[in-house]
Amino acid sequence: MSLDIVVLAAGQGTRMRSALPKVLHPVAGRSMLGHVIHSARALSPVGIHVVVGHGADKVREQLQAPDLGFVTQAEQLGTGHAVAQALPVLAADTVLILYGDVPLIQVDTLQRLLTRVSDTQIALLTVTLDDPTGYGRIVRDDQGKVTAIVEQKDASVAQQAIREGNTGILAVPRVRLAQWLSRLSNNNAQGEYYLTDVIAMAVADGLVVATEQPFDAMEVQGANDRRQLAELERHFQHREALRLMAAGVTLRDPARLDVRGSVTAGRDVLIDVNVIFEGEVVIEDDVHIGPHCVIKDSTLRKGAVIKAYSHLEGAVVGEGADAGPFARLRPGTELGPRAHVGNFVELKNAHLGEGAKAGHLSYLGDARIGARTNIGAGTITCNYDGANKHQTVMGNDVFIGSNSALVAPVALGDGATTAAGSTITQDVPAGELGVARGRQRNVQGWSRPVKKPKA
């Protein structure tokens, strides 16, 4: 069975009170529409077709990809009209209709739904709620078979009491869909072409309307305003927290974790409160992460320790290495096994060898630092000449005195030492001491200034 997916994303979202199209508002660091497309891709369809309208240019710009097609709905005349705009580009046997503001839908839910589609049967995702206000109601006959969907504004009092609601997510044979869309009418309270009217047409044509439900009702929750967007965010984070704990992660407080990307975690990992993960993060066994850290696109090897308030981006922290508190590891940073980076140390495109140490108050950029080398407080690599970056290379067992400035390009051999307060502009050979500072002069008879008395 070949599959085309149509994602409806043309709505304005006026209740968001935003210049940003509704479907581009983020949940967990990714736009709502981005989440839906991510799930759609997992179904390996022939094509994914996004119906755009309000803010169409912004949607295209943000989500443009080779496997996505965009169809314009110039006038928003209802969901049926929106799907009809995509009909000319559909070629697969089955069409699955999704919504760009329903970001938490799960792939396994959609897979279950698709198994119900056949030449004689369409598949509808419904949800049973204590309060289905706002949902179209699923009308069934005495045998429990679906006969129609009635929108709330068109529903009678008895129909409004029905707790089973329509999610709008529907899978149908393409040939049948084309026939039904051509017969839609806008004779209703909204004056719109409802996709839901397809259900009654299917029944009239002798097809069975099979239904599936999500295991979690929040999967089909949309966001029309900021409050609902926040509810989706917290539910997503709750779901991620449960997933991580099931993998063997201890969370000091599952309610104070934010995953804004993809996190893969090993066993016996400890994550303290208010940690934010962004992008692709890999955490191996026995890693400890302190509170208030931000970790983006990084890998933490077995037994690594990240202390409080540290920021990592594009970094690799080696086995048993530690960083922080208040450390900043920028892209291209790699800490070797058991390396140590302390408080207020910033690294960029810097490699620290096994057991190397930079304890505090230093900047190391474009540097290659050997095993067991010790970087004194206040050290900086002067890697930028105003036009180009240059590299500092240190061998093994180098000792850098406090408040040294290493003007790149420069190299220090194994076992070299720099005196505290030196500005090193030339290579220091292995085992030698580099001293580059003004000679001290003591002034005898000097008097410290004193405050003048007030008039």
Protein backbone atom coordinates (compact mmCIF):
# COMPACT_ATOMS: atom_id res chain seq x y z
CA MET A 1 0.00 0.00 0.00
CA SER A 2 1.52 3.32 -1.07
CA LEU A 3 0.87 6.37 1.09
CA ASP A 4 0.54 10.11 0.56
CA ILE A 5 0.31 12.39 3.60
CA VAL A 6 -1.49 15.73 3.56
CA VAL A 7 -0.75 18.11 6.45
CA LEU A 8 -3.20 20.99 6.92
CA ALA A 9 -1.26 24.08 7.99
CA ALA A 10 -3.04 27.06 6.45
CA GLY A 11 -4.79 28.50 9.51
CA GLN A 12 -4.03 31.96 10.85
CA GLY A 13 -4.18 31.21 14.56
CA THR A 14 -5.56 34.59 15.61
CA ARG A 15 -5.80 33.55 19.28
CA MET A 16 -2.01 33.22 19.41
CA ARG A 17 -1.88 37.01 18.95
CA SER A 18 1.35 36.67 17.03
CA ALA A 19 2.88 37.63 13.69
CA LEU A 20 4.29 34.10 13.53
CA PRO A 21 2.04 31.55 11.77
CA LYS A 22 0.41 29.30 14.34
CA VAL A 23 2.03 26.08 13.11
CA LEU A 24 5.51 27.58 13.51
CA HIS A 25 5.15 28.16 17.25
CA PRO A 26 7.57 25.81 19.00
CA VAL A 27 7.03 22.89 21.32
CA ALA A 28 10.24 21.54 22.83
CA GLY A 29 12.40 23.58 20.50
CA ARG A 30 10.76 22.43 17.28
CA SER A 31 7.79 24.00 15.49
CA MET A 32 4.46 22.23 15.89
CA LEU A 33 4.44 21.59 12.16
CA GLY A 34 8.00 20.29 12.40
CA HIS A 35 6.88 17.67 14.93
CA VAL A 36 4.07 16.53 12.63
CA ILE A 37 6.41 16.28 9.64
CA HIS A 38 8.89 14.30 11.75
CA SER A 39 6.17 11.76 12.56
CA ALA A 40 5.01 11.73 8.93
CA ARG A 41 8.50 10.89 7.69
CA ALA A 42 8.63 7.87 9.98
CA LEU A 43 5.76 6.34 7.96
CA SER A 44 7.88 6.34 4.75
CA PRO A 45 5.23 7.92 2.51
CA VAL A 46 5.50 8.52 -1.22
CA GLY A 47 5.01 12.22 -0.53
CA ILE A 48 4.31 14.71 2.24
CA HIS A 49 2.19 17.64 1.08
CA VAL A 50 1.79 20.66 3.36
CA VAL A 51 -1.23 22.88 2.69
CA VAL A 52 -0.23 26.46 3.52
CA GLY A 53 -2.13 29.73 3.60
CA HIS A 54 -1.51 32.41 6.23
CA GLY A 55 2.24 33.04 6.52
CA ALA A 56 2.92 30.61 3.69
CA ASP A 57 6.29 32.15 2.84
CA LYS A 58 7.53 31.85 6.43
CA VAL A 59 6.38 28.22 6.62
CA ARG A 60 8.16 27.34 3.38
CA GLU A 61 11.31 29.17 4.42
CA GLN A 62 11.57 27.42 7.78
CA LEU A 63 10.67 23.89 6.67
CA GLN A 64 11.80 23.64 3.05
CA ALA A 65 13.16 20.16 2.36
CA PRO A 66 13.53 17.91 -0.69
CA ASP A 67 10.89 15.48 0.54
CA LEU A 68 8.25 18.15 1.22
CA GLY A 69 5.75 19.64 -1.18
CA PHE A 70 3.76 22.80 -0.48
CA VAL A 71 0.24 23.47 -1.72
CA THR A 72 -1.39 26.89 -1.32
CA GLN A 73 -4.92 27.35 -0.01
CA ALA A 74 -5.51 30.96 -1.05
CA GLU A 75 -8.87 31.20 0.73
CA GLN A 76 -9.55 29.35 3.97
CA LEU A 77 -12.91 27.77 3.15
CA GLY A 78 -12.72 24.79 5.48
CA THR A 79 -10.81 21.54 5.95
CA GLY A 80 -12.50 19.84 3.00
CA HIS A 81 -11.49 22.72 0.73
CA ALA A 82 -7.93 22.54 2.09
CA VAL A 83 -7.54 18.84 1.28
CA ALA A 84 -9.04 19.42 -2.17
CA GLN A 85 -6.15 21.79 -2.99
CA ALA A 86 -3.73 18.88 -2.61
CA LEU A 87 -5.70 16.41 -4.73
CA PRO A 88 -3.87 17.14 -8.01
CA VAL A 89 -0.51 16.11 -6.52
CA LEU A 90 -1.69 12.91 -4.82
CA ALA A 91 -0.82 9.60 -6.49
CA ALA A 92 -0.63 6.95 -3.76
CA ASP A 93 -3.27 4.34 -2.94
CA THR A 94 -4.02 5.78 0.51
CA VAL A 95 -4.15 9.34 1.80
CA LEU A 96 -3.49 10.18 5.46
CA ILE A 97 -4.65 13.61 6.64
CA LEU A 98 -2.80 15.24 9.54
CA TYR A 99 -2.87 18.69 11.18
CA GLY A 100 0.05 21.06 11.59
CA ASP A 101 -1.01 22.19 15.07
CA VAL A 102 -1.26 18.69 16.59
CA PRO A 103 2.41 18.06 17.39
CA LEU A 104 2.28 15.19 19.88
CA ILE A 105 0.77 12.56 17.58
CA GLN A 106 2.70 9.30 17.87
CA VAL A 107 3.93 7.20 14.98
CA ASP A 108 2.60 3.95 16.44
CA THR A 109 -0.89 5.50 16.69
CA LEU A 110 -0.79 6.41 13.00
CA GLN A 111 0.52 2.97 12.09
CA ARG A 112 -2.41 1.35 13.90
CA LEU A 113 -4.80 3.66 12.06
CA LEU A 114 -3.33 2.83 8.66
CA THR A 115 -3.79 -0.90 9.18
CA ARG A 116 -7.56 -0.32 9.16
CA VAL A 117 -7.73 1.12 5.63
CA SER A 118 -8.90 -1.00 2.68
CA ASP A 119 -10.95 -0.66 -0.50
CA THR A 120 -14.10 -1.13 1.59
CA GLN A 121 -13.05 0.67 4.76
CA ILE A 122 -11.77 4.07 5.84
CA ALA A 123 -10.01 4.75 9.14
CA LEU A 124 -10.84 7.58 11.53
CA LEU A 125 -8.94 8.54 14.69
CA THR A 126 -11.34 9.47 17.49
CA VAL A 127 -10.86 10.34 21.13
CA THR A 128 -13.13 9.92 24.16
CA LEU A 129 -13.03 12.88 26.53
CA ASP A 130 -14.79 13.90 29.72
CA ASP A 131 -15.31 17.30 28.10
CA PRO A 132 -15.30 17.14 24.29
CA THR A 133 -16.20 20.81 23.87
CA GLY A 134 -14.99 22.05 20.51
CA TYR A 135 -14.78 18.60 18.94
CA GLY A 136 -17.09 17.27 16.27
CA ARG A 137 -19.12 14.40 17.74
CA ILE A 138 -18.99 10.83 16.44
CA VAL A 139 -22.54 9.65 15.72
CA ARG A 140 -23.09 5.87 15.83
CA ASP A 141 -26.10 3.68 15.13
CA ASP A 142 -27.62 1.04 17.42
CA GLN A 143 -24.96 -1.47 16.33
CA GLY A 144 -22.16 0.96 17.23
CA LYS A 145 -21.24 1.69 13.64
CA VAL A 146 -20.15 5.22 12.75
CA THR A 147 -22.74 6.99 10.64
CA ALA A 148 -21.61 10.62 10.66
CA ILE A 149 -19.66 13.39 12.36
CA VAL A 150 -21.56 16.45 13.54
CA GLU A 151 -19.64 19.65 14.25
CA GLN A 152 -20.40 21.14 17.65
CA LYS A 153 -22.03 24.27 16.20
CA ASP A 154 -24.39 22.09 14.16
CA ALA A 155 -25.03 19.48 16.88
CA SER A 156 -28.31 19.00 18.72
CA VAL A 157 -28.41 18.93 22.52
CA ALA A 158 -28.40 15.12 22.47
CA GLN A 159 -25.46 15.02 20.07
CA GLN A 160 -23.48 17.48 22.19
CA ALA A 161 -23.73 14.99 25.06
CA ILE A 162 -21.67 12.47 23.06
CA ARG A 163 -18.19 12.14 24.59
CA GLU A 164 -16.45 10.61 21.56
CA GLY A 165 -14.87 13.37 19.51
CA ASN A 166 -13.37 13.62 16.06
CA THR A 167 -9.63 14.34 15.92
CA GLY A 168 -9.76 15.09 12.20
CA ILE A 169 -7.01 12.56 11.49
CA LEU A 170 -8.29 10.36 8.70
CA ALA A 171 -6.93 7.71 6.32
CA VAL A 172 -8.86 6.96 3.13
CA PRO A 173 -8.40 5.39 -0.32
CA ARG A 174 -7.34 8.20 -2.66
CA VAL A 175 -9.87 7.42 -5.41
CA ARG A 176 -12.75 7.53 -2.95
CA LEU A 177 -11.46 10.74 -1.37
CA ALA A 178 -11.50 12.52 -4.74
CA GLN A 179 -15.10 11.44 -5.34
CA TRP A 180 -16.31 12.62 -1.94
CA LEU A 181 -14.51 15.97 -1.98
CA SER A 182 -16.21 16.84 -5.26
CA ARG A 183 -19.59 16.39 -3.56
CA LEU A 184 -18.97 18.56 -0.49
CA SER A 185 -21.37 21.39 0.35
CA ASN A 186 -20.91 24.46 2.55
CA ASN A 187 -24.52 24.43 3.73
CA ASN A 188 -23.76 24.61 7.46
CA ALA A 189 -23.46 27.09 10.32
CA GLN A 190 -19.90 28.05 9.36
CA GLY A 191 -20.44 28.23 5.62
CA GLU A 192 -17.38 25.98 5.14
CA TYR A 193 -16.58 22.76 3.33
CA TYR A 194 -16.16 20.26 6.15
CA LEU A 195 -13.86 17.28 5.65
CA THR A 196 -16.00 15.55 8.27
CA ASP A 197 -18.89 15.29 5.79
CA VAL A 198 -16.81 12.64 4.02
CA ILE A 199 -17.75 10.21 6.80
CA ALA A 200 -21.48 10.28 6.01
CA MET A 201 -20.69 9.96 2.30
CA ALA A 202 -18.55 6.89 2.97
CA VAL A 203 -21.37 5.29 4.93
CA ALA A 204 -23.86 6.12 2.19
CA ASP A 205 -21.57 4.45 -0.35
CA GLY A 206 -21.45 1.29 1.72
CA LEU A 207 -17.98 1.66 3.25
CA VAL A 208 -17.24 0.87 6.88
CA VAL A 209 -15.79 3.64 9.05
CA ALA A 210 -13.25 1.90 11.29
CA THR A 211 -11.99 3.85 14.30
CA GLU A 212 -8.85 3.86 16.39
CA GLN A 213 -8.03 5.88 19.49
CA PRO A 214 -4.70 7.15 20.83
CA PHE A 215 -3.47 5.64 24.07
CA ASP A 216 -2.90 9.19 25.34
CA ALA A 217 -5.55 11.83 24.60
CA MET A 218 -2.88 14.56 24.56
CA GLU A 219 -1.55 13.08 21.32
CA VAL A 220 -4.43 14.72 19.47
CA GLN A 221 -4.56 17.97 21.42
CA GLY A 222 -4.08 21.03 19.22
CA ALA A 223 -2.90 24.48 20.23
CA ASN A 224 -4.99 27.53 19.41
CA ASP A 225 -3.56 29.88 22.05
CA ARG A 226 -0.53 30.31 24.30
CA ARG A 227 -2.11 28.44 27.20
CA GLN A 228 -2.71 25.34 25.11
CA LEU A 229 0.79 25.66 23.67
CA ALA A 230 2.20 25.63 27.21
CA GLU A 231 0.12 22.55 28.06
CA LEU A 232 1.58 20.73 25.06
CA GLU A 233 5.09 21.75 26.09
CA ARG A 234 4.72 20.40 29.61
CA HIS A 235 3.12 17.17 28.41
CA PHE A 236 5.93 16.61 25.93
CA GLN A 237 8.50 17.16 28.68
CA HIS A 238 6.64 14.81 31.02
CA ARG A 239 6.69 12.16 28.31
CA GLU A 240 10.43 12.65 27.75
CA ALA A 241 11.09 12.42 31.48
CA LEU A 242 9.25 9.09 31.66
CA ARG A 243 11.22 7.80 28.67
CA LEU A 244 14.56 8.74 30.22
CA MET A 245 13.70 7.23 33.58
CA ALA A 246 12.66 4.00 31.86
CA ALA A 247 16.13 3.93 30.26
CA GLY A 248 17.84 4.04 33.66
CA VAL A 249 18.17 7.78 34.27
CA THR A 250 17.60 9.32 37.70
CA LEU A 251 15.93 12.74 37.50
CA ARG A 252 16.06 14.76 40.69
CA ASP A 253 12.76 16.33 39.66
CA PRO A 254 11.06 15.05 36.48
CA ALA A 255 9.01 18.26 36.30
CA ARG A 256 12.16 20.38 35.95
CA LEU A 257 13.71 19.01 32.78
CA ASP A 258 13.55 20.38 29.23
CA VAL A 259 14.40 18.30 26.18
CA ARG A 260 14.48 20.38 23.00
CA GLY A 261 15.88 17.81 20.65
CA SER A 262 16.94 14.18 20.94
CA VAL A 263 18.58 12.70 24.02
CA THR A 264 20.04 9.20 24.14
CA ALA A 265 20.99 8.12 27.65
CA GLY A 266 22.69 5.09 29.20
CA ARG A 267 22.19 3.54 32.60
CA ASP A 268 22.80 5.05 36.03
CA VAL A 269 22.78 8.60 34.71
CA LEU A 270 21.93 11.33 37.21
CA ILE A 271 20.39 14.61 36.03
CA ASP A 272 19.73 17.38 38.53
CA VAL A 273 17.06 20.08 38.21
CA ASN A 274 16.59 22.66 35.46
CA VAL A 275 18.83 21.01 32.89
CA ILE A 276 18.11 21.89 29.25
CA PHE A 277 19.06 19.58 26.38
CA GLU A 278 19.08 20.91 22.82
CA GLY A 279 19.84 19.27 19.49
CA GLU A 280 21.43 15.80 19.49
CA VAL A 281 22.80 14.80 22.90
CA VAL A 282 24.36 11.44 23.74
CA ILE A 283 24.88 10.52 27.39
CA GLU A 284 26.75 7.33 28.24
CA ASP A 285 26.53 5.29 31.46
CA ASP A 286 27.29 6.75 34.91
CA VAL A 287 27.25 10.40 33.82
CA HIS A 288 26.28 13.01 36.41
CA ILE A 289 24.88 16.40 35.33
CA GLY A 290 24.47 19.14 37.91
CA PRO A 291 21.66 21.69 38.12
CA HIS A 292 21.01 24.52 35.67
CA CYS A 293 23.17 23.21 32.83
CA VAL A 294 22.50 23.74 29.11
CA ILE A 295 23.83 20.94 26.89
CA LYS A 296 23.51 21.15 23.11
CA ASP A 297 24.73 18.79 20.37
CA SER A 298 27.24 17.16 22.69
CA THR A 299 28.46 13.73 23.77
CA LEU A 300 29.22 12.85 27.39
CA ARG A 301 31.32 9.71 27.74
CA LYS A 302 31.04 7.15 30.53
CA GLY A 303 31.46 8.60 34.00
CA ALA A 304 31.71 12.23 32.90
CA VAL A 305 30.62 14.88 35.41
CA ILE A 306 29.12 18.23 34.38
CA LYS A 307 28.81 20.54 37.34
CA ALA A 308 26.24 23.27 37.95
CA TYR A 309 25.57 26.15 35.54
CA SER A 310 27.80 24.82 32.78
CA HIS A 311 27.03 25.40 29.08
CA LEU A 312 28.11 22.89 26.46
CA GLU A 313 27.63 23.15 22.71
CA GLY A 314 29.20 20.87 20.12
CA ALA A 315 31.49 19.35 22.74
CA VAL A 316 32.76 15.88 23.63
CA VAL A 317 33.52 15.20 27.28
CA GLY A 318 35.73 12.15 27.67
CA GLU A 319 35.41 9.19 30.01
CA GLY A 320 35.70 10.28 33.62
CA ALA A 321 36.33 13.92 32.67
CA ASP A 322 34.61 16.79 34.44
CA ALA A 323 33.64 20.37 33.71
CA GLY A 324 32.37 23.23 35.82
CA PRO A 325 30.76 24.70 37.71
CA PHE A 326 30.23 27.65 35.37
CA ALA A 327 32.26 26.15 32.53
CA ARG A 328 31.56 26.94 28.88
CA LEU A 329 32.54 24.39 26.26
CA ARG A 330 31.95 25.77 22.77
CA PRO A 331 31.88 23.95 19.42
CA GLY A 332 34.91 21.81 18.65
CA THR A 333 35.86 21.28 22.28
CA GLU A 334 37.01 17.82 23.30
CA LEU A 335 38.06 16.78 26.78
CA GLY A 336 40.14 13.64 26.94
CA PRO A 337 39.68 10.95 29.60
CA ARG A 338 39.87 12.34 33.13
CA ALA A 339 40.55 15.87 31.90
CA HIS A 340 39.35 18.67 34.15
CA VAL A 341 37.88 22.07 33.33
CA GLY A 342 36.93 24.22 36.29
CA ASN A 343 34.88 27.31 36.99
CA PHE A 344 34.81 30.19 34.53
CA VAL A 345 36.87 28.40 31.90
CA GLU A 346 35.85 28.79 28.26
CA LEU A 347 37.06 26.50 25.49
CA LYS A 348 36.45 26.69 21.75
CA ASN A 349 37.91 24.27 19.21
CA ALA A 350 40.24 23.07 21.93
CA HIS A 351 41.38 19.52 22.68
CA LEU A 352 42.56 18.66 26.17
CA GLY A 353 44.53 15.44 26.43
CA GLU A 354 44.11 12.75 29.05
CA GLY A 355 44.36 14.16 32.55
CA ALA A 356 44.96 17.74 31.39
CA LYS A 357 43.66 20.49 33.68
CA ALA A 358 42.40 24.04 33.30
CA GLY A 359 41.18 24.87 36.78
CA HIS A 360 39.74 28.35 36.57
CA LEU A 361 39.40 31.70 34.83
CA SER A 362 40.91 30.84 31.45
CA TYR A 363 40.12 31.02 27.74
CA LEU A 364 41.54 28.32 25.46
CA GLY A 365 40.68 28.68 21.79
CA ASP A 366 42.10 26.79 18.79
CA ALA A 367 44.38 24.81 21.09
CA ARG A 368 45.80 21.29 21.18
CA ILE A 369 46.84 20.46 24.72
CA GLY A 370 48.68 17.31 25.64
CA ALA A 371 48.20 14.80 28.44
CA ARG A 372 48.66 15.92 32.05
CA THR A 373 49.29 19.52 31.06
CA ASN A 374 48.25 22.07 33.69
CA ILE A 375 46.83 25.46 32.72
CA GLY A 376 47.16 28.13 35.42
CA ALA A 377 44.42 30.59 36.31
CA GLY A 378 43.97 33.57 34.02
CA THR A 379 45.63 31.94 31.02
CA ILE A 380 44.45 32.86 27.53
CA THR A 381 45.38 31.71 24.07
CA CYS A 382 45.53 34.78 21.82
CA ASN A 383 44.23 32.92 18.79
CA TYR A 384 42.76 35.74 16.66
CA ASP A 385 44.85 38.40 14.94
CA GLY A 386 41.84 40.40 13.74
CA ALA A 387 41.57 38.51 10.48
CA ASN A 388 42.57 34.86 10.99
CA LYS A 389 42.60 32.23 13.71
CA HIS A 390 45.87 30.58 14.75
CA GLN A 391 46.63 27.49 16.80
CA THR A 392 48.40 26.97 20.09
CA VAL A 393 49.99 23.54 20.57
CA MET A 394 51.16 22.23 23.93
CA GLY A 395 52.84 18.89 24.45
CA ASN A 396 52.49 16.51 27.36
CA ASP A 397 53.24 17.56 30.95
CA VAL A 398 53.40 21.28 30.13
CA PHE A 399 52.93 23.71 33.04
CA ILE A 400 51.44 27.11 32.21
CA GLY A 401 51.91 29.68 34.95
CA SER A 402 48.98 31.81 36.03
CA ASN A 403 48.07 34.85 33.97
CA SER A 404 50.00 33.74 30.91
CA ALA A 405 49.07 34.99 27.43
CA LEU A 406 50.03 32.57 24.65
CA VAL A 407 50.13 34.47 21.35
CA ALA A 408 49.37 32.05 18.54
CA PRO A 409 50.75 30.51 16.45
CA VAL A 410 52.97 29.12 19.16
CA ALA A 411 54.10 25.69 20.35
CA LEU A 412 55.33 24.45 23.70
CA GLY A 413 57.21 21.16 23.84
CA ASP A 414 56.77 18.31 26.30
CA GLY A 415 57.50 19.37 29.86
CA ALA A 416 57.84 23.07 29.00
CA THR A 417 56.93 25.70 31.59
CA THR A 418 55.88 29.33 31.36
CA ALA A 419 56.47 31.73 34.23
CA ALA A 420 53.41 33.38 35.71
CA GLY A 421 52.47 36.65 34.05
CA SER A 422 54.34 35.89 30.82
CA THR A 423 53.29 36.87 27.32
CA ILE A 424 54.65 34.04 25.20
CA THR A 425 55.21 34.99 21.56
CA GLN A 426 57.85 32.40 20.64
CA ASP A 427 57.97 28.61 20.86
CA VAL A 428 59.18 27.13 24.15
CA PRO A 429 61.29 23.98 23.57
CA ALA A 430 60.69 20.80 25.54
CA GLY A 431 61.74 21.01 29.18
CA GLU A 432 62.57 24.73 29.09
CA LEU A 433 61.13 27.68 30.99
CA GLY A 434 59.63 30.58 29.03
CA VAL A 435 59.75 33.91 30.82
CA ALA A 436 58.38 37.01 29.11
CA ARG A 437 57.61 39.81 31.53
CA GLY A 438 59.01 43.17 32.60
CA ARG A 439 61.64 43.26 35.33
CA GLN A 440 60.29 44.29 38.75
CA ARG A 441 61.55 47.56 40.24
CA ASN A 442 60.91 48.58 43.86
CA VAL A 443 60.74 52.33 44.64
CA GLN A 444 62.14 53.29 48.04
CA GLY A 445 60.62 56.15 49.95
CA TRP A 446 57.35 55.97 48.07
CA SER A 447 54.24 57.13 49.94
CA ARG A 448 50.78 55.78 49.31
CA PRO A 449 48.22 58.49 48.48
CA VAL A 450 45.86 59.54 51.24
CA LYS A 451 42.44 61.11 51.10
CA LYS A 452 42.28 64.86 51.44
CA PRO A 453 40.15 66.10 54.32
CA LYS A 454 36.76 67.48 53.36
CA ALA A 455 36.34 71.25 53.59
